[in-house]
Amino acid sequence: MALQRAATIVKALKHRNTSRAHQNGPRRGRPPRADYDRILENDGWVIAQELHLHPLRQPIDAHFAPYYERILKGELRAIYDYCDRNAPRFDPSFYELLGFLVTIRFYSVANQILSDIERRASTMGWPSERDTYEYWYKEIKPLCDMARRFIRGARNADPSASREKLWREYILQPLPTARFGSLVGKADQQLLLRSLHAPIDEQFRPYLERILTGDPSAKGDYEEMLQKEENKRHGELRRSAVEDLLKWSESHTRDSIRSRLEAMGCGGRELDLLRESSFQLERVNRFRPFGLVTREIFFALAKTNPLLTPAAVARSYACKIVRVSESWASHKGVRKT
């Protein structure tokens, strides 16, 4: 269904572009401002359709949310309004949108928006390519640091462990034990319910007997039991979600990305560039809400020859997402540590 919708978009855009070519004849140089305005007005539905098929990570930042709602309705002027009113400080969700637009830049309307932003970056405080790179670097780097610490600890325990074995242990590692503030005072709540002749938690009854006999530790033991149960429940939910994530990642391949982009009308060298950018962006966005790096990033961190620093790996994958070279990142003086 998604591919059929994408094909419909491409056919409509091709028809529109062909019609304009016949009406206006060949042009050279930059199109006039009126053409830019017409593209924004007429092709906003293209971006909206793609975002409905591939939504940004939720929740959307509260300040950016009203602009995002307009974008989902095809009102691309919302992007310019947001930049004008918020430069030079932008919400993470806006950088997510820029990363997404990079992966569909072969659409003329997406390319126009990105070109406008890049052109105005230095004079109007709009986000530059460097800003976008820095955002993704800062998102990936802390996750790389944590993954490297896991790898070191696991290799100390088992020096012969393969990268595949380390990956499985990493992805399925249990959550650290948490303390849930909402459970503090639960014993007193149960005692209050009992005094009001209201039903109480059946699990509380053994502890109630201890409380009535003067056991000072009974309340704490009851709440500690609730803490352990809540940690177990959260751990089971996470493991189930991570197993679903692993299944998704196995079907989410570069070939599947290529097929989708080809169905959207992308081809040539642009196809190869977008395939890699889109592949990495989608995977990073799926794994990072769990506090995890992708398999590709993990394997890069687990390599021993050469041994790459977390900063180097984060820089490499931020560059892949933004579609810039690592030499560009170095020459531009962007973060390298």
C-alpha atoms as a PDB file:
ATOM      1  CA  MET A   1       0.000   0.000   0.000  1.00  0.00           C
ATOM      2  CA  ALA A   2       2.838   2.415   0.881  1.00  0.00           C
ATOM      3  CA  LEU A   3       4.574   1.711  -2.423  1.00  0.00           C
ATOM      4  CA  GLN A   4       1.326   2.243  -4.351  1.00  0.00           C
ATOM      5  CA  ARG A   5       0.858   5.609  -2.666  1.00  0.00           C
ATOM      6  CA  ALA A   6       4.453   6.556  -3.406  1.00  0.00           C
ATOM      7  CA  ALA A   7       3.992   5.599  -7.056  1.00  0.00           C
ATOM      8  CA  THR A   8       0.895   7.797  -7.221  1.00  0.00           C
ATOM      9  CA  ILE A   9       2.911  10.726  -5.886  1.00  0.00           C
ATOM     10  CA  VAL A  10       5.624  10.222  -8.495  1.00  0.00           C
ATOM     11  CA  LYS A  11       3.147   9.969 -11.390  1.00  0.00           C
ATOM     12  CA  ALA A  12       1.418  13.160 -10.318  1.00  0.00           C
ATOM     13  CA  LEU A  13       4.707  15.032  -9.989  1.00  0.00           C
ATOM     14  CA  LYS A  14       5.976  13.805 -13.336  1.00  0.00           C
ATOM     15  CA  HIS A  15       2.746  14.872 -15.021  1.00  0.00           C
ATOM     16  CA  ARG A  16       2.958  18.310 -13.428  1.00  0.00           C
ATOM     17  CA  ASN A  17       6.619  18.781 -14.344  1.00  0.00           C
ATOM     18  CA  THR A  18       5.994  17.666 -17.943  1.00  0.00           C
ATOM     19  CA  SER A  19       3.025  20.000 -18.303  1.00  0.00           C
ATOM     20  CA  ARG A  20       5.052  22.944 -17.070  1.00  0.00           C
ATOM     21  CA  ALA A  21       7.868  22.136 -19.445  1.00  0.00           C
ATOM     22  CA  HIS A  22       5.476  22.213 -22.435  1.00  0.00           C
ATOM     23  CA  GLN A  23       3.845  25.425 -21.274  1.00  0.00           C
ATOM     24  CA  ASN A  24       6.917  27.418 -20.391  1.00  0.00           C
ATOM     25  CA  GLY A  25       9.643  25.953 -22.592  1.00  0.00           C
ATOM     26  CA  PRO A  26      13.248  25.359 -21.458  1.00  0.00           C
ATOM     27  CA  ARG A  27      14.765  27.567 -18.761  1.00  0.00           C
ATOM     28  CA  ARG A  28      18.255  28.256 -17.623  1.00  0.00           C
ATOM     29  CA  GLY A  29      19.530  29.311 -14.224  1.00  0.00           C
ATOM     30  CA  ARG A  30      17.594  29.558 -11.006  1.00  0.00           C
ATOM     31  CA  PRO A  31      13.795  29.515 -11.411  1.00  0.00           C
ATOM     32  CA  PRO A  32      11.964  32.734 -10.500  1.00  0.00           C
ATOM     33  CA  ARG A  33      10.555  33.225  -7.000  1.00  0.00           C
ATOM     34  CA  ALA A  34       7.035  32.674  -8.309  1.00  0.00           C
ATOM     35  CA  ASP A  35       7.970  29.108  -9.286  1.00  0.00           C
ATOM     36  CA  TYR A  36       9.335  28.454  -5.807  1.00  0.00           C
ATOM     37  CA  ASP A  37       6.141  29.749  -4.236  1.00  0.00           C
ATOM     38  CA  ARG A  38       4.047  27.617  -6.598  1.00  0.00           C
ATOM     39  CA  ILE A  39       5.996  24.468  -5.698  1.00  0.00           C
ATOM     40  CA  LEU A  40       5.522  25.098  -1.981  1.00  0.00           C
ATOM     41  CA  GLU A  41       1.817  25.688  -2.452  1.00  0.00           C
ATOM     42  CA  ASN A  42       1.068  22.892  -4.889  1.00  0.00           C
ATOM     43  CA  ASP A  43       3.415  20.140  -3.708  1.00  0.00           C
ATOM     44  CA  GLY A  44       2.982  20.412   0.055  1.00  0.00           C
ATOM     45  CA  TRP A  45       0.853  17.280  -0.044  1.00  0.00           C
ATOM     46  CA  VAL A  46       3.930  15.301  -1.154  1.00  0.00           C
ATOM     47  CA  ILE A  47       5.775  16.019   2.099  1.00  0.00           C
ATOM     48  CA  ALA A  48       2.592  15.539   4.121  1.00  0.00           C
ATOM     49  CA  GLN A  49       1.991  12.142   2.497  1.00  0.00           C
ATOM     50  CA  GLU A  50       5.531  10.989   3.208  1.00  0.00           C
ATOM     51  CA  LEU A  51       5.301  12.112   6.839  1.00  0.00           C
ATOM     52  CA  HIS A  52       2.022  10.255   7.272  1.00  0.00           C
ATOM     53  CA  LEU A  53       3.736   7.131   5.937  1.00  0.00           C
ATOM     54  CA  HIS A  54       6.927   7.726   7.972  1.00  0.00           C
ATOM     55  CA  PRO A  55       6.086   9.898  11.018  1.00  0.00           C
ATOM     56  CA  LEU A  56       8.741  11.686  13.030  1.00  0.00           C
ATOM     57  CA  ARG A  57       9.726  10.226  16.378  1.00  0.00           C
ATOM     58  CA  GLN A  58       7.056  10.845  18.996  1.00  0.00           C
ATOM     59  CA  PRO A  59       6.316  12.850  21.024  1.00  0.00           C
ATOM     60  CA  ILE A  60       6.830  15.969  18.918  1.00  0.00           C
ATOM     61  CA  ASP A  61       8.360  18.850  20.895  1.00  0.00           C
ATOM     62  CA  ALA A  62       5.556  21.020  22.250  1.00  0.00           C
ATOM     63  CA  HIS A  63       6.807  24.250  20.668  1.00  0.00           C
ATOM     64  CA  PHE A  64       7.245  22.682  17.235  1.00  0.00           C
ATOM     65  CA  ALA A  65       4.001  20.663  17.384  1.00  0.00           C
ATOM     66  CA  PRO A  66       1.625  23.336  15.954  1.00  0.00           C
ATOM     67  CA  TYR A  67       3.952  23.896  13.000  1.00  0.00           C
ATOM     68  CA  TYR A  68       4.223  20.135  12.466  1.00  0.00           C
ATOM     69  CA  GLU A  69       0.426  19.878  12.403  1.00  0.00           C
ATOM     70  CA  ARG A  70       0.363  22.482   9.622  1.00  0.00           C
ATOM     71  CA  ILE A  71       3.060  20.587   7.699  1.00  0.00           C
ATOM     72  CA  LEU A  72       0.985  17.400   7.948  1.00  0.00           C
ATOM     73  CA  LYS A  73      -1.827  19.352   6.260  1.00  0.00           C
ATOM     74  CA  GLY A  74       0.507  20.310   3.390  1.00  0.00           C
ATOM     75  CA  GLU A  75       1.213  23.863   4.633  1.00  0.00           C
ATOM     76  CA  LEU A  76       4.955  23.999   4.029  1.00  0.00           C
ATOM     77  CA  ARG A  77       5.085  27.697   4.851  1.00  0.00           C
ATOM     78  CA  ALA A  78       4.969  26.478   8.442  1.00  0.00           C
ATOM     79  CA  ILE A  79       8.646  25.456   8.118  1.00  0.00           C
ATOM     80  CA  TYR A  80       9.635  29.017   7.150  1.00  0.00           C
ATOM     81  CA  ASP A  81       7.411  30.512   9.851  1.00  0.00           C
ATOM     82  CA  TYR A  82       9.011  28.274  12.459  1.00  0.00           C
ATOM     83  CA  CYS A  83      12.535  29.236  11.368  1.00  0.00           C
ATOM     84  CA  ASP A  84      11.731  32.965  11.282  1.00  0.00           C
ATOM     85  CA  ARG A  85      10.210  32.924  14.757  1.00  0.00           C
ATOM     86  CA  ASN A  86      12.685  30.617  16.494  1.00  0.00           C
ATOM     87  CA  ALA A  87      16.121  31.202  14.961  1.00  0.00           C
ATOM     88  CA  PRO A  88      18.730  30.456  16.111  1.00  0.00           C
ATOM     89  CA  ARG A  89      17.248  28.006  18.673  1.00  0.00           C
ATOM     90  CA  PHE A  90      15.447  25.020  17.225  1.00  0.00           C
ATOM     91  CA  ASP A  91      13.708  22.030  18.757  1.00  0.00           C
ATOM     92  CA  PRO A  92      15.055  18.480  18.318  1.00  0.00           C
ATOM     93  CA  SER A  93      11.894  17.545  16.402  1.00  0.00           C
ATOM     94  CA  PHE A  94      12.744  20.180  13.796  1.00  0.00           C
ATOM     95  CA  TYR A  95      16.176  18.622  13.247  1.00  0.00           C
ATOM     96  CA  GLU A  96      14.386  15.280  12.921  1.00  0.00           C
ATOM     97  CA  LEU A  97      12.330  16.832  10.129  1.00  0.00           C
ATOM     98  CA  LEU A  98      15.466  18.112   8.380  1.00  0.00           C
ATOM     99  CA  GLY A  99      17.026  14.643   8.565  1.00  0.00           C
ATOM    100  CA  PHE A 100      13.878  13.187   7.045  1.00  0.00           C
ATOM    101  CA  LEU A 101      13.809  15.763   4.223  1.00  0.00           C
ATOM    102  CA  VAL A 102      17.404  14.843   3.352  1.00  0.00           C
ATOM    103  CA  THR A 103      16.263  11.280   2.646  1.00  0.00           C
ATOM    104  CA  ILE A 104      13.605  12.465   0.150  1.00  0.00           C
ATOM    105  CA  ARG A 105      15.591  15.302  -1.380  1.00  0.00           C
ATOM    106  CA  PHE A 106      14.964  14.003  -4.885  1.00  0.00           C
ATOM    107  CA  TYR A 107      11.503  15.575  -4.623  1.00  0.00           C
ATOM    108  CA  SER A 108      11.841  19.125  -5.959  1.00  0.00           C
ATOM    109  CA  VAL A 109       9.844  20.527  -3.052  1.00  0.00           C
ATOM    110  CA  ALA A 110      12.064  18.845  -0.428  1.00  0.00           C
ATOM    111  CA  ASN A 111      15.188  20.006  -2.246  1.00  0.00           C
ATOM    112  CA  GLN A 112      13.842  23.556  -2.420  1.00  0.00           C
ATOM    113  CA  ILE A 113      13.159  23.702   1.325  1.00  0.00           C
ATOM    114  CA  LEU A 114      16.611  22.357   2.208  1.00  0.00           C
ATOM    115  CA  SER A 115      18.298  24.696  -0.291  1.00  0.00           C
ATOM    116  CA  ASP A 116      16.448  27.691   1.160  1.00  0.00           C
ATOM    117  CA  ILE A 117      17.462  26.739   4.680  1.00  0.00           C
ATOM    118  CA  GLU A 118      21.098  26.232   3.670  1.00  0.00           C
ATOM    119  CA  ARG A 119      21.130  29.552   1.792  1.00  0.00           C
ATOM    120  CA  ARG A 120      19.735  31.518   4.739  1.00  0.00           C
ATOM    121  CA  ALA A 121      21.746  29.764   7.437  1.00  0.00           C
ATOM    122  CA  SER A 122      24.562  32.310   7.700  1.00  0.00           C
ATOM    123  CA  THR A 123      22.501  35.492   7.361  1.00  0.00           C
ATOM    124  CA  MET A 124      19.260  34.715   9.197  1.00  0.00           C
ATOM    125  CA  GLY A 125      20.292  32.234  11.880  1.00  0.00           C
ATOM    126  CA  TRP A 126      18.477  29.346  10.211  1.00  0.00           C
ATOM    127  CA  PRO A 127      19.945  25.874  10.834  1.00  0.00           C
ATOM    128  CA  SER A 128      22.962  25.103   8.698  1.00  0.00           C
ATOM    129  CA  GLU A 129      24.196  21.756   7.455  1.00  0.00           C
ATOM    130  CA  ARG A 130      26.715  21.922  10.266  1.00  0.00           C
ATOM    131  CA  ASP A 131      23.935  22.428  12.841  1.00  0.00           C
ATOM    132  CA  THR A 132      22.101  19.394  11.496  1.00  0.00           C
ATOM    133  CA  TYR A 133      25.274  17.324  11.618  1.00  0.00           C
ATOM    134  CA  GLU A 134      25.963  18.464  15.199  1.00  0.00           C
ATOM    135  CA  TYR A 135      22.449  17.477  16.250  1.00  0.00           C
ATOM    136  CA  TRP A 136      22.831  13.906  15.012  1.00  0.00           C
ATOM    137  CA  TYR A 137      26.367  13.627  16.388  1.00  0.00           C
ATOM    138  CA  LYS A 138      25.128  14.633  19.854  1.00  0.00           C
ATOM    139  CA  GLU A 139      22.244  12.157  19.606  1.00  0.00           C
ATOM    140  CA  ILE A 140      24.489   9.221  18.648  1.00  0.00           C
ATOM    141  CA  LYS A 141      27.647   9.903  20.694  1.00  0.00           C
ATOM    142  CA  PRO A 142      26.264   9.168  24.215  1.00  0.00           C
ATOM    143  CA  LEU A 143      24.753   5.915  22.952  1.00  0.00           C
ATOM    144  CA  CYS A 144      28.136   4.961  21.490  1.00  0.00           C
ATOM    145  CA  ASP A 145      29.813   5.673  24.828  1.00  0.00           C
ATOM    146  CA  MET A 146      27.382   3.378  26.655  1.00  0.00           C
ATOM    147  CA  ALA A 147      27.720   0.638  24.031  1.00  0.00           C
ATOM    148  CA  ARG A 148      31.526   0.763  24.263  1.00  0.00           C
ATOM    149  CA  ARG A 149      31.348   0.394  28.057  1.00  0.00           C
ATOM    150  CA  PHE A 150      29.111  -2.649  27.612  1.00  0.00           C
ATOM    151  CA  ILE A 151      31.535  -4.173  25.087  1.00  0.00           C
ATOM    152  CA  ARG A 152      34.511  -3.695  27.404  1.00  0.00           C
ATOM    153  CA  GLY A 153      32.686  -5.274  30.329  1.00  0.00           C
ATOM    154  CA  ALA A 154      31.463  -8.204  28.244  1.00  0.00           C
ATOM    155  CA  ARG A 155      34.930  -8.851  26.776  1.00  0.00           C
ATOM    156  CA  ASN A 156      36.495  -8.787  30.214  1.00  0.00           C
ATOM    157  CA  ALA A 157      34.080 -11.554  31.187  1.00  0.00           C
ATOM    158  CA  ASP A 158      34.519 -13.505  27.927  1.00  0.00           C
ATOM    159  CA  PRO A 159      37.543 -12.420  25.820  1.00  0.00           C
ATOM    160  CA  SER A 160      36.692 -14.862  23.019  1.00  0.00           C
ATOM    161  CA  ALA A 161      33.096 -13.640  22.530  1.00  0.00           C
ATOM    162  CA  SER A 162      32.236 -12.876  18.903  1.00  0.00           C
ATOM    163  CA  ARG A 163      30.681  -9.586  17.849  1.00  0.00           C
ATOM    164  CA  GLU A 164      27.429 -11.388  17.064  1.00  0.00           C
ATOM    165  CA  LYS A 165      27.294 -12.886  20.565  1.00  0.00           C
ATOM    166  CA  LEU A 166      28.082  -9.508  22.111  1.00  0.00           C
ATOM    167  CA  TRP A 167      25.331  -7.905  20.030  1.00  0.00           C
ATOM    168  CA  ARG A 168      22.695 -10.371  21.229  1.00  0.00           C
ATOM    169  CA  GLU A 169      23.717  -9.869  24.852  1.00  0.00           C
ATOM    170  CA  TYR A 170      23.705  -6.091  24.396  1.00  0.00           C
ATOM    171  CA  ILE A 171      20.341  -5.848  22.710  1.00  0.00           C
ATOM    172  CA  LEU A 172      18.636  -8.177  25.204  1.00  0.00           C
ATOM    173  CA  GLN A 173      20.336  -6.911  28.367  1.00  0.00           C
ATOM    174  CA  PRO A 174      17.887  -6.371  31.234  1.00  0.00           C
ATOM    175  CA  LEU A 175      16.937  -2.903  32.378  1.00  0.00           C
ATOM    176  CA  PRO A 176      18.758  -1.566  35.432  1.00  0.00           C
ATOM    177  CA  THR A 177      16.704  -1.799  38.607  1.00  0.00           C
ATOM    178  CA  ALA A 178      14.601   1.324  39.081  1.00  0.00           C
ATOM    179  CA  ARG A 179      12.817   2.874  42.046  1.00  0.00           C
ATOM    180  CA  PHE A 180       9.240   3.876  41.300  1.00  0.00           C
ATOM    181  CA  GLY A 181       8.211   6.895  43.346  1.00  0.00           C
ATOM    182  CA  SER A 182       4.550   6.154  42.736  1.00  0.00           C
ATOM    183  CA  LEU A 183       4.852   3.056  44.944  1.00  0.00           C
ATOM    184  CA  VAL A 184       6.142   4.924  47.982  1.00  0.00           C
ATOM    185  CA  GLY A 185       3.412   5.096  50.644  1.00  0.00           C
ATOM    186  CA  LYS A 186       1.369   2.253  49.171  1.00  0.00           C
ATOM    187  CA  ALA A 187       1.267   0.442  52.515  1.00  0.00           C
ATOM    188  CA  ASP A 188      -0.259   3.496  54.213  1.00  0.00           C
ATOM    189  CA  GLN A 189      -2.814   3.717  51.388  1.00  0.00           C
ATOM    190  CA  GLN A 190      -3.857   0.121  52.044  1.00  0.00           C
ATOM    191  CA  LEU A 191      -4.198   0.822  55.761  1.00  0.00           C
ATOM    192  CA  LEU A 192      -6.387   3.830  54.985  1.00  0.00           C
ATOM    193  CA  LEU A 193      -8.617   1.723  52.722  1.00  0.00           C
ATOM    194  CA  ARG A 194      -8.947  -0.876  55.501  1.00  0.00           C
ATOM    195  CA  SER A 195      -9.985   1.830  57.997  1.00  0.00           C
ATOM    196  CA  LEU A 196     -12.666   2.936  55.555  1.00  0.00           C
ATOM    197  CA  HIS A 197     -13.874  -0.681  55.166  1.00  0.00           C
ATOM    198  CA  ALA A 198     -12.923  -0.553  51.465  1.00  0.00           C
ATOM    199  CA  PRO A 199     -11.376  -3.500  49.542  1.00  0.00           C
ATOM    200  CA  ILE A 200      -7.613  -3.841  49.922  1.00  0.00           C
ATOM    201  CA  ASP A 201      -4.933  -5.469  47.790  1.00  0.00           C
ATOM    202  CA  GLU A 202      -4.940  -9.241  48.388  1.00  0.00           C
ATOM    203  CA  GLN A 203      -1.141  -9.186  48.275  1.00  0.00           C
ATOM    204  CA  PHE A 204      -1.182  -6.808  51.230  1.00  0.00           C
ATOM    205  CA  ARG A 205      -2.966  -9.203  53.621  1.00  0.00           C
ATOM    206  CA  PRO A 206       0.132 -11.146  54.798  1.00  0.00           C
ATOM    207  CA  TYR A 207       1.908  -7.846  55.461  1.00  0.00           C
ATOM    208  CA  LEU A 208      -1.191  -6.485  57.260  1.00  0.00           C
ATOM    209  CA  GLU A 209      -1.007  -9.369  59.725  1.00  0.00           C
ATOM    210  CA  ARG A 210       2.616  -8.498  60.431  1.00  0.00           C
ATOM    211  CA  ILE A 211       1.765  -4.815  60.839  1.00  0.00           C
ATOM    212  CA  LEU A 212      -0.996  -5.645  63.349  1.00  0.00           C
ATOM    213  CA  THR A 213       1.467  -7.697  65.406  1.00  0.00           C
ATOM    214  CA  GLY A 214       3.851  -4.740  65.540  1.00  0.00           C
ATOM    215  CA  ASP A 215       6.421  -5.754  62.864  1.00  0.00           C
ATOM    216  CA  PRO A 216       8.138  -2.435  61.933  1.00  0.00           C
ATOM    217  CA  SER A 217       9.557  -3.791  58.647  1.00  0.00           C
ATOM    218  CA  ALA A 218       6.242  -5.024  57.200  1.00  0.00           C
ATOM    219  CA  LYS A 219       5.352  -1.782  55.385  1.00  0.00           C
ATOM    220  CA  GLY A 220       8.770  -1.581  53.756  1.00  0.00           C
ATOM    221  CA  ASP A 221       8.703  -5.241  52.751  1.00  0.00           C
ATOM    222  CA  TYR A 222       5.311  -4.790  51.066  1.00  0.00           C
ATOM    223  CA  GLU A 223       6.498  -1.802  49.055  1.00  0.00           C
ATOM    224  CA  GLU A 224       9.765  -3.572  48.169  1.00  0.00           C
ATOM    225  CA  MET A 225       7.707  -6.497  46.806  1.00  0.00           C
ATOM    226  CA  LEU A 226       5.747  -4.029  44.649  1.00  0.00           C
ATOM    227  CA  GLN A 227       8.996  -2.474  43.412  1.00  0.00           C
ATOM    228  CA  LYS A 228      10.323  -5.883  42.322  1.00  0.00           C
ATOM    229  CA  GLU A 229       7.076  -6.737  40.537  1.00  0.00           C
ATOM    230  CA  GLU A 230       7.054  -3.414  38.702  1.00  0.00           C
ATOM    231  CA  ASN A 231      10.678  -3.860  37.612  1.00  0.00           C
ATOM    232  CA  LYS A 232       9.856  -7.365  36.377  1.00  0.00           C
ATOM    233  CA  ARG A 233       6.839  -6.076  34.421  1.00  0.00           C
ATOM    234  CA  HIS A 234       8.852  -3.283  32.802  1.00  0.00           C
ATOM    235  CA  GLY A 235      11.638  -5.739  31.966  1.00  0.00           C
ATOM    236  CA  GLU A 236       9.209  -8.129  30.249  1.00  0.00           C
ATOM    237  CA  LEU A 237       7.632  -5.285  28.263  1.00  0.00           C
ATOM    238  CA  ARG A 238      11.040  -4.043  27.149  1.00  0.00           C
ATOM    239  CA  ARG A 239      12.250  -7.497  26.137  1.00  0.00           C
ATOM    240  CA  SER A 240       9.109  -8.050  24.080  1.00  0.00           C
ATOM    241  CA  ALA A 241       9.522  -4.648  22.416  1.00  0.00           C
ATOM    242  CA  VAL A 242      13.220  -5.282  21.700  1.00  0.00           C
ATOM    243  CA  GLU A 243      12.446  -8.683  20.169  1.00  0.00           C
ATOM    244  CA  ASP A 244       9.937  -6.946  17.884  1.00  0.00           C
ATOM    245  CA  LEU A 245      12.628  -4.386  17.054  1.00  0.00           C
ATOM    246  CA  LEU A 246      15.055  -7.155  16.113  1.00  0.00           C
ATOM    247  CA  LYS A 247      12.478  -8.711  13.782  1.00  0.00           C
ATOM    248  CA  TRP A 248      11.929  -5.331  12.140  1.00  0.00           C
ATOM    249  CA  SER A 249      15.651  -4.723  11.746  1.00  0.00           C
ATOM    250  CA  GLU A 250      16.126  -8.062   9.996  1.00  0.00           C
ATOM    251  CA  SER A 251      13.552  -7.135   7.350  1.00  0.00           C
ATOM    252  CA  HIS A 252      14.736  -3.517   7.091  1.00  0.00           C
ATOM    253  CA  THR A 253      17.595  -3.866   4.620  1.00  0.00           C
ATOM    254  CA  ARG A 254      19.309  -1.616   2.132  1.00  0.00           C
ATOM    255  CA  ASP A 255      17.567  -3.555  -0.625  1.00  0.00           C
ATOM    256  CA  SER A 256      14.149  -2.844   0.906  1.00  0.00           C
ATOM    257  CA  ILE A 257      15.061   0.847   1.104  1.00  0.00           C
ATOM    258  CA  ARG A 258      16.238   0.778  -2.522  1.00  0.00           C
ATOM    259  CA  SER A 259      12.973  -0.791  -3.683  1.00  0.00           C
ATOM    260  CA  ARG A 260      10.953   1.835  -1.849  1.00  0.00           C
ATOM    261  CA  LEU A 261      13.012   4.720  -3.253  1.00  0.00           C
ATOM    262  CA  GLU A 262      12.825   3.325  -6.784  1.00  0.00           C
ATOM    263  CA  ALA A 263       9.047   3.106  -6.456  1.00  0.00           C
ATOM    264  CA  MET A 264       9.104   6.785  -5.480  1.00  0.00           C
ATOM    265  CA  GLY A 265      10.940   7.663  -8.689  1.00  0.00           C
ATOM    266  CA  CYS A 266      14.491   7.996  -7.386  1.00  0.00           C
ATOM    267  CA  GLY A 267      17.342   6.709  -9.532  1.00  0.00           C
ATOM    268  CA  GLY A 268      21.004   7.017 -10.489  1.00  0.00           C
ATOM    269  CA  ARG A 269      23.664   8.257  -8.076  1.00  0.00           C
ATOM    270  CA  GLU A 270      21.002  10.008  -6.006  1.00  0.00           C
ATOM    271  CA  LEU A 271      19.453   6.605  -5.309  1.00  0.00           C
ATOM    272  CA  ASP A 272      22.687   5.245  -3.815  1.00  0.00           C
ATOM    273  CA  LEU A 273      23.202   8.316  -1.630  1.00  0.00           C
ATOM    274  CA  LEU A 274      19.624   8.386  -0.387  1.00  0.00           C
ATOM    275  CA  ARG A 275      19.510   4.648   0.201  1.00  0.00           C
ATOM    276  CA  GLU A 276      22.354   4.825   2.725  1.00  0.00           C
ATOM    277  CA  SER A 277      21.089   7.989   4.412  1.00  0.00           C
ATOM    278  CA  SER A 278      17.526   6.713   4.705  1.00  0.00           C
ATOM    279  CA  PHE A 279      18.699   3.272   5.886  1.00  0.00           C
ATOM    280  CA  GLN A 280      20.818   4.705   8.714  1.00  0.00           C
ATOM    281  CA  LEU A 281      18.291   7.361   9.741  1.00  0.00           C
ATOM    282  CA  GLU A 282      15.388   4.929  10.063  1.00  0.00           C
ATOM    283  CA  ARG A 283      17.454   2.471  12.073  1.00  0.00           C
ATOM    284  CA  VAL A 284      18.881   5.086  14.429  1.00  0.00           C
ATOM    285  CA  ASN A 285      15.385   6.456  15.020  1.00  0.00           C
ATOM    286  CA  ARG A 286      14.052   2.992  15.848  1.00  0.00           C
ATOM    287  CA  PHE A 287      16.850   1.983  18.245  1.00  0.00           C
ATOM    288  CA  ARG A 288      17.643   5.162  20.156  1.00  0.00           C
ATOM    289  CA  PRO A 289      14.338   5.362  22.133  1.00  0.00           C
ATOM    290  CA  PHE A 290      15.557   2.139  23.802  1.00  0.00           C
ATOM    291  CA  GLY A 291      18.927   3.714  24.606  1.00  0.00           C
ATOM    292  CA  LEU A 292      20.570   1.414  22.045  1.00  0.00           C
ATOM    293  CA  VAL A 293      22.769   1.834  18.991  1.00  0.00           C
ATOM    294  CA  THR A 294      22.036   0.009  15.751  1.00  0.00           C
ATOM    295  CA  ARG A 295      23.711  -3.258  14.811  1.00  0.00           C
ATOM    296  CA  GLU A 296      25.935  -1.446  12.307  1.00  0.00           C
ATOM    297  CA  ILE A 297      27.120   1.072  14.891  1.00  0.00           C
ATOM    298  CA  PHE A 298      27.613  -1.650  17.510  1.00  0.00           C
ATOM    299  CA  PHE A 299      29.747  -3.751  15.164  1.00  0.00           C
ATOM    300  CA  ALA A 300      31.865  -0.690  14.343  1.00  0.00           C
ATOM    301  CA  LEU A 301      32.416  -0.103  18.063  1.00  0.00           C
ATOM    302  CA  ALA A 302      33.224  -3.780  18.642  1.00  0.00           C
ATOM    303  CA  LYS A 303      35.931  -3.855  15.957  1.00  0.00           C
ATOM    304  CA  THR A 304      39.445  -4.258  17.329  1.00  0.00           C
ATOM    305  CA  ASN A 305      41.462  -3.627  14.180  1.00  0.00           C
ATOM    306  CA  PRO A 306      41.309  -0.722  13.880  1.00  0.00           C
ATOM    307  CA  LEU A 307      39.870   0.206  17.263  1.00  0.00           C
ATOM    308  CA  LEU A 308      37.612   3.198  16.673  1.00  0.00           C
ATOM    309  CA  THR A 309      36.689   5.658  19.397  1.00  0.00           C
ATOM    310  CA  PRO A 310      33.000   6.256  20.164  1.00  0.00           C
ATOM    311  CA  ALA A 311      33.459   9.805  18.864  1.00  0.00           C
ATOM    312  CA  ALA A 312      34.812   8.542  15.528  1.00  0.00           C
ATOM    313  CA  VAL A 313      31.919   6.099  15.106  1.00  0.00           C
ATOM    314  CA  ALA A 314      29.337   8.743  16.052  1.00  0.00           C
ATOM    315  CA  ARG A 315      30.902  11.161  13.583  1.00  0.00           C
ATOM    316  CA  SER A 316      30.832   8.553  10.815  1.00  0.00           C
ATOM    317  CA  TYR A 317      27.138   7.748  11.238  1.00  0.00           C
ATOM    318  CA  ALA A 318      26.072  11.360  11.719  1.00  0.00           C
ATOM    319  CA  CYS A 319      27.770  12.064   8.377  1.00  0.00           C
ATOM    320  CA  LYS A 320      25.924   9.179   6.730  1.00  0.00           C
ATOM    321  CA  ILE A 321      22.572  10.545   7.921  1.00  0.00           C
ATOM    322  CA  VAL A 322      23.262  14.130   6.825  1.00  0.00           C
ATOM    323  CA  ARG A 323      24.893  12.954   3.575  1.00  0.00           C
ATOM    324  CA  VAL A 324      28.237  14.664   4.100  1.00  0.00           C
ATOM    325  CA  SER A 325      31.717  13.183   4.004  1.00  0.00           C
ATOM    326  CA  GLU A 326      33.804  12.625   7.101  1.00  0.00           C
ATOM    327  CA  SER A 327      36.486  14.813   5.548  1.00  0.00           C
ATOM    328  CA  TRP A 328      33.856  17.579   5.334  1.00  0.00           C
ATOM    329  CA  ALA A 329      33.186  17.169   9.044  1.00  0.00           C
ATOM    330  CA  SER A 330      36.898  17.451   9.793  1.00  0.00           C
ATOM    331  CA  HIS A 331      37.562  20.377   7.456  1.00  0.00           C
ATOM    332  CA  LYS A 332      34.542  22.302   8.704  1.00  0.00           C
ATOM    333  CA  GLY A 333      35.909  22.101  12.201  1.00  0.00           C
ATOM    334  CA  VAL A 334      32.876  20.304  13.553  1.00  0.00           C
ATOM    335  CA  ARG A 335      33.003  18.264  16.718  1.00  0.00           C
ATOM    336  CA  LYS A 336      35.518  15.444  16.649  1.00  0.00           C
ATOM    337  CA  THR A 337      35.951  14.527  20.297  1.00  0.00           C
END
